[in-house]
Protein backbone atom coordinates (compact mmCIF):
# COMPACT_ATOMS: atom_id res chain seq x y z
CA MET A 1 -2.33 -20.70 -11.07
CA LEU A 2 0.85 -20.75 -13.14
CA LEU A 3 0.01 -17.72 -15.20
CA PRO A 4 -0.68 -15.22 -12.37
CA THR A 5 2.36 -16.47 -10.47
CA PHE A 6 4.57 -16.04 -13.50
CA VAL A 7 3.27 -12.56 -14.23
CA PHE A 8 3.76 -11.51 -10.63
CA ASN A 9 7.30 -12.86 -10.33
CA TYR A 10 8.29 -11.33 -13.66
CA THR A 11 6.97 -7.91 -12.68
CA PHE A 12 8.52 -8.22 -9.26
CA LEU A 13 11.93 -8.94 -10.79
CA ILE A 14 11.70 -5.96 -13.14
CA LEU A 15 10.66 -3.63 -10.32
CA SER A 16 13.40 -4.92 -8.06
CA VAL A 17 16.07 -4.24 -10.66
CA LEU A 18 14.62 -0.85 -11.56
CA SER A 19 14.31 0.29 -7.97
CA LEU A 20 17.82 -0.91 -7.19
CA VAL A 21 19.28 0.90 -10.18
CA LEU A 22 17.30 4.08 -9.60
CA PHE A 23 18.13 4.23 -5.91
CA THR A 24 21.80 3.58 -6.55
CA ALA A 25 21.81 6.24 -9.23
CA ASN A 26 19.74 8.82 -7.40
CA GLY A 27 19.94 8.21 -3.70
CA ASP A 28 23.35 7.02 -2.53
CA PRO A 29 25.36 9.85 -0.96
CA GLN A 30 28.57 8.03 -1.82
CA ALA A 31 27.45 7.85 -5.43
CA LEU A 32 27.18 11.63 -5.43
CA LYS A 33 30.77 11.84 -4.35
CA ARG A 34 31.92 9.23 -6.83
CA ARG A 35 30.27 11.13 -9.64
CA ASN A 36 31.90 14.33 -8.43
CA PHE A 37 28.62 16.18 -7.91
CA ILE A 38 30.18 17.89 -4.93
CA GLY A 39 33.70 16.87 -4.11
CA SER A 40 35.42 17.62 -7.40
CA ILE A 41 34.78 21.35 -7.38
CA PHE A 42 36.28 21.83 -3.93
CA GLN A 43 39.59 20.12 -4.61
CA ASN A 44 42.68 22.31 -4.63
CA SER A 45 44.46 22.29 -7.93
CA GLY A 46 48.08 21.42 -7.20
CA SER A 47 48.99 20.22 -10.65
CA THR A 48 50.29 22.39 -13.45
CA SER A 49 49.44 19.95 -16.21
CA PRO A 50 47.53 21.39 -19.19
CA SER A 51 44.47 19.31 -18.33
CA SER A 52 44.50 20.55 -14.74
CA SER A 53 44.96 24.15 -15.82
CA GLN A 54 42.13 23.87 -18.29
CA SER A 55 39.89 22.30 -15.63
CA ALA A 56 40.76 25.07 -13.19
CA LEU A 57 39.76 27.71 -15.72
CA GLN A 58 36.33 26.11 -16.03
CA LYS A 59 35.62 26.03 -12.29
CA PRO A 60 34.24 29.06 -10.46
CA GLU A 61 36.35 30.58 -7.77
CA THR A 62 35.81 28.83 -4.44
CA ASN A 63 34.63 31.05 -1.61
CA ASP A 64 32.78 30.83 1.69
CA THR A 65 29.37 30.72 0.01
CA CYS A 66 30.30 27.51 -1.80
CA LYS A 67 31.52 25.42 1.09
CA PRO A 68 29.59 22.14 1.06
CA LEU A 69 27.18 21.43 3.88
CA PRO A 70 25.80 18.05 4.99
CA PHE A 71 22.69 16.64 3.34
CA THR A 72 20.56 17.01 6.46
CA GLN A 73 17.37 18.73 7.50
CA GLU A 74 19.51 20.85 9.82
CA THR A 75 21.26 22.26 6.76
CA TRP A 76 17.88 23.10 5.25
CA GLN A 77 16.90 24.93 8.43
CA GLN A 78 20.28 26.65 8.68
CA LEU A 79 19.91 28.08 5.18
CA LYS A 80 16.27 29.06 5.93
CA LEU A 81 15.17 27.51 2.67
CA ASP A 82 11.50 27.21 3.68
CA ASP A 83 11.20 30.98 4.04
CA TYR A 84 13.32 31.51 0.94
CA LEU A 85 11.03 29.36 -1.21
CA LYS A 86 7.75 30.51 0.30
CA ASN A 87 8.63 34.19 -0.09
CA TYR A 88 10.65 33.99 -3.30
CA PRO A 89 10.12 37.18 -5.38
CA GLY A 90 7.53 36.39 -8.04
CA GLY A 91 7.38 32.83 -6.74
CA HIS A 92 3.62 32.55 -7.18
CA ASN A 93 4.13 32.77 -10.94
CA THR A 94 7.54 31.12 -11.24
CA THR A 95 7.44 27.45 -12.20
CA ILE A 96 10.14 24.97 -11.26
CA ALA A 97 11.63 25.09 -14.76
CA ALA A 98 11.66 28.90 -14.75
CA PHE A 99 13.28 28.96 -11.32
CA ALA A 100 15.99 26.54 -12.45
CA GLU A 101 16.63 28.49 -15.64
CA SER A 102 17.02 31.71 -13.66
CA LYS A 103 19.79 29.98 -11.71
CA GLY A 104 21.61 28.90 -14.85
CA VAL A 105 20.29 25.33 -15.05
CA LEU A 106 18.75 24.74 -18.45
CA ASN A 107 16.49 21.84 -19.42
CA PHE A 108 15.51 21.12 -15.81
CA ASP A 109 12.52 19.07 -16.93
CA CYS A 110 10.74 17.26 -14.11
CA GLY A 111 7.77 14.93 -14.32
CA ILE A 112 6.75 11.32 -14.65
CA ASN A 113 9.20 9.50 -16.94
CA LEU A 114 11.44 12.57 -16.82
CA ARG A 115 14.59 13.00 -14.75
CA CYS A 116 15.74 16.49 -13.85
CA TYR A 117 19.31 17.02 -12.60
CA ALA A 118 20.57 19.79 -10.37
CA GLY A 119 24.11 19.57 -11.72
CA GLN A 120 26.98 20.80 -9.56
CA PRO A 121 26.76 23.50 -6.88
CA CYS A 122 28.23 26.88 -7.78
CA TYR A 123 28.65 25.82 -11.37
CA PRO A 124 26.68 27.87 -12.10
CA THR A 125 23.96 27.55 -9.41
CA PRO A 126 24.58 29.31 -6.07
CA LEU A 127 24.80 26.80 -3.23
CA LYS A 128 21.55 27.90 -1.58
CA ASP A 129 19.57 27.46 -4.79
CA TRP A 130 21.42 24.26 -5.63
CA TYR A 131 20.15 22.57 -2.47
CA ILE A 132 16.61 23.43 -3.55
CA LEU A 133 17.17 22.02 -7.04
CA PHE A 134 18.75 18.91 -5.55
CA ALA A 135 15.70 18.42 -3.29
CA ILE A 136 13.42 18.84 -6.31
CA GLN A 137 15.53 16.26 -8.14
CA GLN A 138 15.03 13.87 -5.22
CA TRP A 139 11.29 14.61 -5.07
CA ASN A 140 10.94 13.95 -8.80
CA ALA A 141 12.82 10.66 -8.53
CA GLN A 142 10.50 9.56 -5.74
CA ARG A 143 7.40 10.45 -7.76
CA ASN A 144 8.66 8.24 -10.58
CA LEU A 145 9.35 5.43 -8.15
CA MET A 146 5.83 5.76 -6.79
CA VAL A 147 4.38 5.04 -10.23
CA LYS A 148 6.30 1.78 -10.16
CA ALA A 149 5.16 1.16 -6.58
CA ILE A 150 1.51 1.58 -7.59
CA SER A 151 1.86 -0.99 -10.34
CA PHE A 152 3.81 -3.33 -8.08
CA ALA A 153 1.27 -3.13 -5.27
CA ILE A 154 -1.72 -3.78 -7.52
CA ASN A 155 0.01 -6.71 -9.20
CA PHE A 156 0.88 -8.09 -5.77
CA VAL A 157 -2.70 -7.81 -4.52
CA GLU A 158 -4.13 -9.16 -7.76
CA ALA A 159 -1.88 -12.22 -7.67
CA THR A 160 -2.61 -12.87 -4.00
CA ILE A 161 -6.38 -12.60 -4.34
CA THR A 162 -6.47 -14.67 -7.51
CA ASN A 163 -4.39 -17.37 -5.86
CA LEU A 164 -6.54 -17.29 -2.74
CA LEU A 165 -9.87 -17.50 -4.51
CA SER A 166 -8.83 -20.16 -7.00
CA SER A 167 -7.64 -22.29 -4.08
CA MET A 168 -10.71 -21.76 -1.90
CA PHE A 169 -13.33 -21.85 -4.64
CA PRO A 170 -12.38 -24.25 -7.45
CA SER A 171 -15.98 -24.02 -8.63
CA ILE A 172 -18.27 -21.15 -7.76
CA ASP A 173 -21.98 -20.87 -8.32
CA THR A 174 -23.69 -17.72 -9.51
CA LEU A 175 -25.03 -16.81 -6.07
CA THR A 176 -21.52 -16.66 -4.61
CA ILE A 177 -20.36 -14.43 -7.46
CA ASP A 178 -23.38 -12.20 -7.04
CA LEU A 179 -22.54 -11.77 -3.35
CA PHE A 180 -18.93 -10.91 -4.15
CA LYS A 181 -20.06 -8.44 -6.80
CA VAL A 182 -22.35 -6.64 -4.36
CA ASP A 183 -19.69 -6.58 -1.67
CA PHE A 184 -17.03 -5.14 -3.96
CA GLY A 185 -19.43 -2.48 -5.18
CA VAL A 186 -20.82 -1.40 -1.82
CA ASN A 187 -17.96 -1.93 0.58
CA SER A 188 -14.92 -1.72 -1.74
CA ALA A 189 -13.50 -4.80 -0.11
CA VAL A 190 -10.10 -4.72 -1.78
CA THR A 191 -9.51 -1.05 -0.99
CA MET A 192 -8.09 -1.84 2.43
CA VAL A 193 -5.63 -4.34 1.01
CA SER A 194 -4.49 -2.23 -1.94
CA ASN A 195 -4.30 1.14 -0.22
CA THR A 196 -2.39 -0.11 2.79
CA LEU A 197 -0.02 -2.09 0.60
CA PHE A 198 0.77 1.08 -1.36
CA LEU A 199 1.74 2.78 1.87
CA ASP A 200 3.65 -0.27 3.06
CA ILE A 201 5.68 -0.54 -0.14
CA LEU A 202 6.19 3.21 -0.07
CA ALA A 203 7.70 2.95 3.39
CA MET A 204 10.22 0.47 2.00
CA PHE A 205 11.12 2.91 -0.74
CA HIS A 206 11.69 5.79 1.66
CA SER A 207 10.88 6.96 5.14
CA PHE A 208 7.49 8.66 5.41
CA GLN A 209 7.46 12.15 4.02
CA LEU A 210 4.94 14.93 3.87
CA GLY A 211 4.34 14.76 0.14
CA TRP A 212 3.49 11.07 0.14
CA ASN A 213 0.86 10.85 2.87
CA LEU A 214 -0.70 14.08 1.60
CA PHE A 215 -1.03 12.47 -1.80
CA PHE A 216 -2.72 9.34 -0.47
CA ASN A 217 -5.20 11.40 1.51
CA GLU A 218 -5.81 13.39 -1.66
CA ILE A 219 -6.73 10.39 -3.81
CA ASN A 220 -8.54 8.35 -1.17
CA ASN A 221 -11.85 9.08 -2.89
CA ILE A 222 -10.38 8.05 -6.22
CA ILE A 223 -9.46 4.68 -4.72
CA VAL A 224 -13.02 4.11 -3.55
CA ILE A 225 -14.44 5.17 -6.91
CA ALA A 226 -12.03 2.83 -8.65
CA MET A 227 -13.23 -0.05 -6.51
CA TYR A 228 -16.81 0.69 -7.51
CA GLY A 229 -15.51 0.16 -11.03
CA VAL A 230 -14.18 -3.26 -10.05
CA ALA A 231 -17.70 -4.46 -9.34
CA GLY A 232 -18.81 -3.46 -12.80
CA PHE A 233 -16.26 -5.72 -14.41
CA ILE A 234 -17.14 -8.88 -12.47
CA PRO A 235 -19.44 -10.88 -14.74
CA ILE A 236 -22.11 -13.12 -13.25
CA PRO A 237 -21.74 -16.53 -14.94
CA LYS A 238 -24.65 -17.76 -16.99
CA GLY A 239 -24.10 -21.38 -16.09
CA PRO A 240 -24.41 -22.93 -12.65
CA GLU A 241 -20.66 -23.26 -12.18
CA ASN A 242 -17.41 -21.91 -13.57
CA ASP A 243 -13.85 -22.75 -12.71
CA ALA A 244 -12.28 -20.12 -10.48
CA TYR A 245 -9.37 -19.32 -12.77
CA THR A 246 -11.63 -18.38 -15.68
CA LEU A 247 -13.94 -16.44 -13.43
CA TRP A 248 -11.36 -14.46 -11.50
CA SER A 249 -9.27 -13.78 -14.61
CA HIS A 250 -11.89 -11.10 -15.28
CA PHE A 251 -10.33 -9.21 -12.39
CA THR A 252 -7.38 -8.46 -14.66
CA VAL A 253 -9.49 -5.90 -16.51
CA ALA A 254 -10.77 -4.45 -13.24
CA PHE A 255 -7.32 -4.14 -11.71
CA ASP A 256 -5.98 -2.58 -14.91
CA ASN A 257 -8.66 0.09 -14.65
CA TYR A 258 -7.83 0.56 -10.98
CA ARG A 259 -4.13 0.86 -11.77
CA ASN A 260 -4.81 3.37 -14.54
CA ALA A 261 -7.06 5.50 -12.31
CA LEU A 262 -4.43 5.75 -9.59
CA THR A 263 -1.57 6.32 -12.01
CA ASP A 264 -3.48 9.04 -13.86
CA ALA A 265 -4.28 10.75 -10.56
CA PHE A 266 -0.64 10.58 -9.53
CA VAL A 267 0.58 11.96 -12.86
CA LYS A 268 -1.93 14.82 -12.67
CA SER A 269 -0.94 15.62 -9.08
CA THR A 270 2.72 15.69 -10.11
CA ASP A 271 2.09 17.87 -13.15
CA ASP A 272 0.00 20.31 -11.11
CA ILE A 273 2.87 20.82 -8.66
CA ILE A 274 5.47 21.16 -11.42
CA HIS A 275 3.51 23.79 -13.32
CA ALA A 276 2.38 25.74 -10.25
CA GLY A 277 4.36 28.68 -8.94
CA ILE A 278 7.04 27.48 -6.54
CA SER A 279 5.66 29.73 -3.78
CA SER A 280 1.97 29.18 -4.52
CA PRO A 281 -0.29 27.15 -2.21
CA ASP A 282 -0.03 24.18 -4.58
CA GLY A 283 3.64 24.71 -5.34
CA ILE A 284 6.76 22.68 -4.66
CA TRP A 285 7.60 24.52 -1.44
CA LYS A 286 5.00 22.47 0.44
CA GLN A 287 6.56 19.24 -0.74
CA LEU A 288 10.06 20.32 0.24
CA GLN A 289 9.35 22.08 3.52
CA ASN A 290 11.38 21.07 6.56
CA GLY A 291 14.03 19.60 4.30
CA THR A 292 11.88 16.60 3.44
CA PHE A 293 13.88 15.64 0.36
CA ILE A 294 17.35 16.97 1.11
CA VAL A 295 18.53 13.66 2.60
CA PRO A 296 19.62 11.28 -0.20
CA THR A 297 17.60 8.07 -0.19
CA GLN A 298 19.25 4.72 0.35
CA PRO A 299 18.68 1.80 -2.02
CA VAL A 300 16.19 -0.81 -0.86
CA TYR A 301 16.28 -4.37 -2.15
CA LEU A 302 12.65 -5.42 -2.43
CA PRO A 303 13.13 -9.21 -2.60
CA ALA A 304 14.40 -9.07 0.98
CA ALA A 305 10.89 -8.08 2.07
CA GLU A 306 8.99 -10.30 -0.35
CA GLU A 307 8.08 -12.97 2.20
CA ASP A 308 6.92 -10.42 4.77
CA LEU A 309 4.75 -8.67 2.21
CA LYS A 310 3.37 -11.99 1.04
CA ASN A 311 2.37 -13.04 4.55
CA VAL A 312 0.60 -9.84 5.55
CA THR A 313 -1.04 -9.43 2.13
CA THR A 314 -2.37 -12.98 2.29
CA ALA A 315 -3.73 -12.39 5.79
CA LEU A 316 -5.48 -9.19 4.70
CA ALA A 317 -6.88 -10.87 1.60
CA VAL A 318 -8.21 -13.87 3.54
CA VAL A 319 -10.01 -11.55 5.95
CA GLN A 320 -11.52 -9.57 3.09
CA VAL A 321 -12.72 -12.69 1.31
CA LEU A 322 -14.27 -14.00 4.53
CA ARG A 323 -15.93 -10.64 5.17
CA ALA A 324 -17.23 -10.61 1.59
CA LEU A 325 -19.04 -13.79 2.59
CA ASP A 326 -20.42 -12.09 5.73
CA SER A 327 -18.28 -14.26 7.98
CA PHE A 328 -17.89 -13.71 11.71
CA VAL A 329 -16.41 -15.42 14.77
CA THR A 330 -18.60 -17.10 17.36
CA ILE A 331 -17.54 -18.18 20.85
CA GLY A 332 -19.34 -20.82 22.89
CA THR A 333 -22.19 -21.65 20.54
CA ASP A 334 -21.69 -25.36 21.21
CA PRO A 335 -19.91 -27.53 23.77
CA CYS A 336 -16.63 -29.11 22.72
CA ASN A 337 -18.03 -32.59 22.21
CA GLY A 338 -17.75 -32.81 18.45
CA LYS A 339 -15.74 -35.34 16.46
CA GLY A 340 -13.11 -32.82 15.41
CA LYS A 341 -9.81 -32.08 17.13
CA ASN A 342 -10.28 -31.48 20.89
CA GLY A 343 -14.05 -31.74 20.40
CA ALA A 344 -14.38 -29.15 17.64
CA LEU A 345 -16.79 -29.51 14.72
CA GLU A 346 -15.70 -32.14 12.24
CA GLY A 347 -15.22 -31.77 8.50
CA GLN A 348 -13.07 -30.37 5.72
CA ASP A 349 -15.58 -27.60 5.15
CA VAL A 350 -15.75 -26.05 8.64
CA LEU A 351 -13.61 -23.52 10.50
CA SER A 352 -13.77 -24.67 14.11
CA TYR A 353 -11.47 -25.29 17.05
CA CYS A 354 -11.65 -25.85 20.80
CA ASP A 355 -9.16 -24.36 23.24
CA GLN A 356 -7.72 -26.03 26.32
CA THR A 357 -10.52 -24.71 28.52
CA GLY A 358 -13.14 -26.49 26.43
CA THR A 359 -14.47 -23.36 24.71
CA MET A 360 -15.45 -23.70 21.06
CA PHE A 361 -14.52 -21.01 18.53
CA ASN A 362 -16.10 -21.09 15.08
CA ILE A 363 -16.16 -18.97 11.97
CA PHE A 364 -19.67 -18.94 10.54
CA ARG A 365 -21.21 -16.91 7.74
CA VAL A 366 -24.55 -15.55 6.68
CA GLY A 367 -26.12 -17.82 4.09
CA LYS A 368 -28.88 -16.86 1.70
CA GLU A 369 -32.10 -18.82 1.58
CA LYS A 370 -33.34 -20.07 -1.74
CA LYS A 371 -35.87 -18.11 -3.78
CA GLY A 372 -39.20 -17.76 -2.07
CA HIS A 373 -37.65 -17.19 1.35
CA HIS A 374 -36.75 -13.79 2.69
CA GLU A 375 -34.77 -14.60 5.82
CA ASP A 376 -31.05 -15.21 6.02
CA LYS A 377 -29.72 -18.37 7.59
CA LEU A 378 -26.64 -19.27 9.59
CA GLU A 379 -24.18 -21.13 7.38
CA THR A 380 -21.50 -23.19 9.12
CA LYS A 381 -19.68 -24.50 6.05
CA PHE A 382 -17.18 -23.09 3.56
CA GLN A 383 -15.95 -24.75 0.39
CA ARG A 384 -12.45 -26.13 0.92
CA ALA A 385 -12.16 -24.45 4.31
CA THR A 386 -8.99 -26.35 5.16
CA VAL A 387 -7.14 -24.55 2.37
CA ILE A 388 -6.92 -21.47 4.59
CA ALA A 389 -4.79 -23.33 7.12
CA ASP A 390 -3.09 -25.94 4.95
CA PHE A 391 -2.15 -23.74 2.00
CA PHE A 392 -2.06 -20.23 3.42
CA GLY A 393 -0.92 -21.05 6.96
CA LEU A 394 -3.76 -19.27 8.78
CA SER A 395 -5.31 -21.63 11.31
CA THR A 396 -8.81 -21.21 12.68
CA GLU A 397 -7.26 -20.69 16.10
CA PHE A 398 -5.11 -17.86 14.76
CA LEU A 399 -7.99 -16.19 12.91
CA THR A 400 -10.40 -16.34 15.85
CA GLN A 401 -7.93 -15.43 18.59
CA SER A 402 -6.49 -12.52 16.60
CA SER A 403 -9.98 -11.19 15.90
CA LEU A 404 -10.95 -11.51 19.56
CA LYS A 405 -7.77 -9.76 20.67
CA CYS A 406 -8.45 -6.86 18.28
CA GLN A 407 -12.05 -6.45 19.37
CA LYS A 408 -11.20 -6.58 23.07
CA LYS A 409 -8.38 -4.08 22.73
CA PHE A 410 -10.20 -1.46 20.66
CA GLY A 411 -13.83 -2.19 21.53
CA LYS A 412 -15.00 -2.10 17.92
CA PHE A 413 -16.09 -4.56 15.26
CA ASN A 414 -13.79 -4.86 12.22
CA TYR A 415 -11.43 -2.22 13.63
CA PHE A 416 -8.55 -1.52 11.24
CA PRO A 417 -5.99 1.06 12.45
CA TYR A 418 -3.79 1.11 9.35
CA THR A 419 -5.92 2.98 6.82
CA ASN A 420 -3.51 5.92 6.54
CA THR A 421 -0.32 4.31 7.70
CA THR A 422 1.76 1.24 7.00
CA VAL A 423 0.61 -2.25 7.88
CA PRO A 424 3.01 -4.14 10.15
CA ARG A 425 4.90 -6.95 8.43
CA ASP A 426 3.63 -9.41 11.05
CA PRO A 427 0.15 -10.88 10.35
CA SER A 428 -0.29 -11.33 14.11
CA ALA A 429 -0.02 -7.57 14.75
CA ASP A 430 -3.05 -5.78 16.15
CA CYS A 431 -6.12 -6.02 13.92
CA VAL A 432 -4.49 -7.30 10.75
CA ILE A 433 -6.99 -10.10 11.38
CA ASN A 434 -10.20 -8.37 12.45
CA LEU A 435 -13.30 -10.46 11.84
CA PRO A 436 -16.25 -9.36 14.01
CA VAL A 437 -16.67 -11.53 17.11
CA CYS A 438 -19.93 -12.65 18.71
CA ASP A 439 -19.32 -13.96 22.22
CA CYS A 440 -22.25 -16.26 22.92
CA ARG A 441 -21.00 -16.83 26.46
CA GLU A 442 -22.41 -13.45 27.42
CA PRO A 443 -25.76 -14.04 29.16
CA LYS A 444 -27.77 -11.61 27.05
CA ILE A 445 -26.46 -12.97 23.76
CA LYS A 446 -26.79 -16.58 24.94
CA LYS A 447 -30.41 -16.06 25.93
CA SER A 448 -31.23 -14.42 22.60
CA ALA A 449 -29.42 -17.19 20.72
CA ASP A 450 -31.42 -19.85 22.54
CA GLU A 451 -34.68 -18.09 21.71
CA HIS A 452 -34.08 -16.71 18.22
CA GLY A 453 -30.94 -18.35 16.90
CA VAL A 454 -27.27 -17.39 16.76
CA LEU A 455 -27.55 -15.16 13.70
CA SER A 456 -30.35 -13.06 15.15
CA ALA A 457 -28.62 -12.80 18.54
CA CYS A 458 -25.33 -11.67 17.02
CA ARG A 459 -27.06 -9.06 14.91
CA GLU A 460 -28.83 -7.77 18.01
CA ALA A 461 -25.40 -7.53 19.65
CA GLY A 462 -24.37 -5.13 16.89
CA LEU A 463 -22.27 -7.30 14.58
CA PRO A 464 -22.12 -5.83 11.05
CA ILE A 465 -23.43 -8.95 9.33
């Protein structure tokens, strides 16, 4: 897996440098002072040198309306900028560029791959309007960073899933691929991983703001549609087996399409806001309300969070791969008298463990009978099952106990509480691992399992398998 790893690390390095530079350039309050965006125009001119005199002639006269105020939401409220923007005369037909030009700021061109600058307050923009332009500048910078975040997140997920699948399935038959193809098309299995990672990376870029979570709600359907597209790009091999790297390299095309769909949606959303009237329902005032973007952002060094992102992304990806195989947790299907550790099932291709009380926990999956049969069967084996623990650090005990904890706490199968918020960095947090659990110790389930089999009993208990 040298190629995916190299591509990921290379992209990660570029994004890290770009984000660091952009944040330092755009978000550091001290940088604003160093570049004299604010401080220089409020200094008293005590020198009589020609250069000082010439500079003084160029500066507007300082008065009470140009006294600098802190970059806080309280300042935004104090200046009543929400009402000012929402009720701006002609604001329903005044674009951002037209508003800036009316305040003396020419070439205030915002958009993706564009950087609009507010300039200096009172030179010539009145302070009240300058704070609005500065907030728009901040908003525009964040939109551009989000484009990078989208690409980063997809590359991260793509690398993780490719690494996972190539390790677990060094050779995959056509039936397995067919099952994955169906699952991606129907259930959009990677959506959870990708969407939540976008939000998680976004939270590292900046604290949560109105414009961002509104955007993700807005394109949620696009994400699902994009994942339907993923299924269409997964080829079913003609031969009985293919190596995993060759097979899953086809995901590159699918993820590129996914990336393009999200980026295009983001660019369109940005352009719509920029070209709408500042006071219109779709205008910039909604993005800026409550002083959302008046506080300068602080630089974030992404490599510092790389390991945390890697751990939680791997955990999410493992769960999704297992769910794509219709996997579920069983408790108490057998006594702990096997040849494995502490009496668990034995073998390199099983996911089984026994706790100190002598209770067996397994991860089983729904297998497909060969042609001519119409009933599913209970499958207890996974190819290279030990890779999950040995290579990715997720033991069977951890997977089963975390799933049981989630189901007990929330009373639902596959419950995932992070769809529209950030995923915790810790893989052991609630429901990051959320395989459905079938507790065969319960009398009703046990009786049904004895009579009709574990798979039938667990389905009767409501498991989505």
